[in-house]
Amino acid sequence: MIPATFGYTIVAATLSIPGFILGESALSLLGLGIQEPDASWGNLLADAQNVQSIAQFPWILSPGRVHLPDDHVVQLSRRLSA
């Protein structure tokens, strides 16, 4: 009986991990989760809401600038291959 539930347990654990990550991120964004010296998605989102940090560190926006041309290259390659 126990070996028959092993697959279900693995699937249930795998599907619940994203919920745990989103829950922790939401709590950290509200200031109730992981606190500042440790990194968390919620802490990063809370820091991103601070416009002064973007003014002091403008390279924070560079990944978005790199990703946009990347999308154009992918779209162009799909149109050329079709």
Protein backbone atom coordinates (compact mmCIF):
# COMPACT_ATOMS: atom_id res chain seq x y z
CA MET A 1 0.00 0.00 0.00
CA ILE A 2 2.81 2.46 0.80
CA PRO A 3 4.61 2.02 -2.57
CA ALA A 4 1.37 2.79 -4.40
CA THR A 5 1.21 6.25 -2.81
CA PHE A 6 4.83 7.16 -3.56
CA GLY A 7 4.07 8.53 -7.05
CA TYR A 8 1.17 10.60 -5.75
CA THR A 9 3.34 12.01 -2.99
CA ILE A 10 6.06 13.05 -5.45
CA VAL A 11 3.51 14.72 -7.78
CA ALA A 12 1.76 16.50 -4.89
CA ALA A 13 5.07 17.80 -3.53
CA THR A 14 6.22 18.94 -6.97
CA LEU A 15 2.99 20.82 -7.65
CA SER A 16 2.95 22.50 -4.24
CA ILE A 17 6.48 23.96 -4.44
CA PRO A 18 5.49 26.92 -6.71
CA GLY A 19 2.72 27.83 -4.27
CA PHE A 20 5.20 27.89 -1.42
CA ILE A 21 7.54 30.11 -3.43
CA LEU A 22 4.73 32.56 -4.31
CA GLY A 23 3.52 32.60 -0.71
CA GLU A 24 6.98 33.38 0.62
CA SER A 25 7.43 36.09 -2.01
CA ALA A 26 4.13 37.71 -1.07
CA LEU A 27 4.99 37.66 2.62
CA SER A 28 8.43 39.12 1.98
CA LEU A 29 6.94 41.83 -0.23
CA LEU A 30 4.67 42.81 2.66
CA GLY A 31 7.60 42.73 5.09
CA LEU A 32 6.43 39.61 6.94
CA GLY A 33 8.73 37.02 5.38
CA ILE A 34 12.50 36.84 4.99
CA GLN A 35 14.15 40.03 6.17
CA GLU A 36 16.64 42.25 4.35
CA PRO A 37 20.12 40.70 4.63
CA ASP A 38 18.83 37.52 2.97
CA ALA A 39 17.72 37.53 -0.66
CA SER A 40 14.12 36.81 -1.58
CA TRP A 41 11.91 37.55 -4.57
CA GLY A 42 9.62 39.56 -2.31
CA ASN A 43 12.56 41.63 -1.03
CA LEU A 44 13.71 42.23 -4.59
CA LEU A 45 10.23 43.38 -5.62
CA ALA A 46 10.01 45.67 -2.60
CA ASP A 47 13.38 47.21 -3.53
CA ALA A 48 12.26 47.62 -7.14
CA GLN A 49 9.33 49.75 -6.00
CA ASN A 50 11.80 52.28 -4.63
CA VAL A 51 12.42 54.76 -7.47
CA GLN A 52 15.45 56.24 -5.69
CA SER A 53 17.30 52.93 -5.91
CA ILE A 54 16.74 52.87 -9.69
CA ALA A 55 18.07 56.43 -9.92
CA GLN A 56 21.18 55.43 -7.96
CA PHE A 57 21.69 52.12 -9.75
CA PRO A 58 20.43 52.47 -13.36
CA TRP A 59 22.00 49.18 -14.45
CA ILE A 60 19.17 47.40 -12.60
CA LEU A 61 17.04 47.92 -15.72
CA SER A 62 19.62 46.43 -18.10
CA PRO A 63 18.23 42.84 -18.11
CA GLY A 64 14.96 44.17 -19.52
CA ARG A 65 16.84 46.07 -22.19
CA VAL A 66 18.70 42.92 -23.17
CA HIS A 67 15.57 40.74 -23.17
CA LEU A 68 13.59 42.97 -25.54
CA PRO A 69 15.95 42.61 -28.55
CA ASP A 70 16.18 38.90 -27.77
CA ASP A 71 12.42 38.58 -28.28
CA HIS A 72 12.71 40.37 -31.62
CA VAL A 73 15.41 37.95 -32.77
CA VAL A 74 13.23 34.98 -31.83
CA GLN A 75 10.23 36.42 -33.68
CA LEU A 76 12.35 37.17 -36.72
CA SER A 77 13.77 33.64 -36.80
CA ARG A 78 10.26 32.15 -36.54
CA ARG A 79 9.04 34.29 -39.45
CA LEU A 80 12.03 33.37 -41.58
CA SER A 81 11.65 29.66 -40.90
CA ALA A 82 7.93 29.65 -41.75
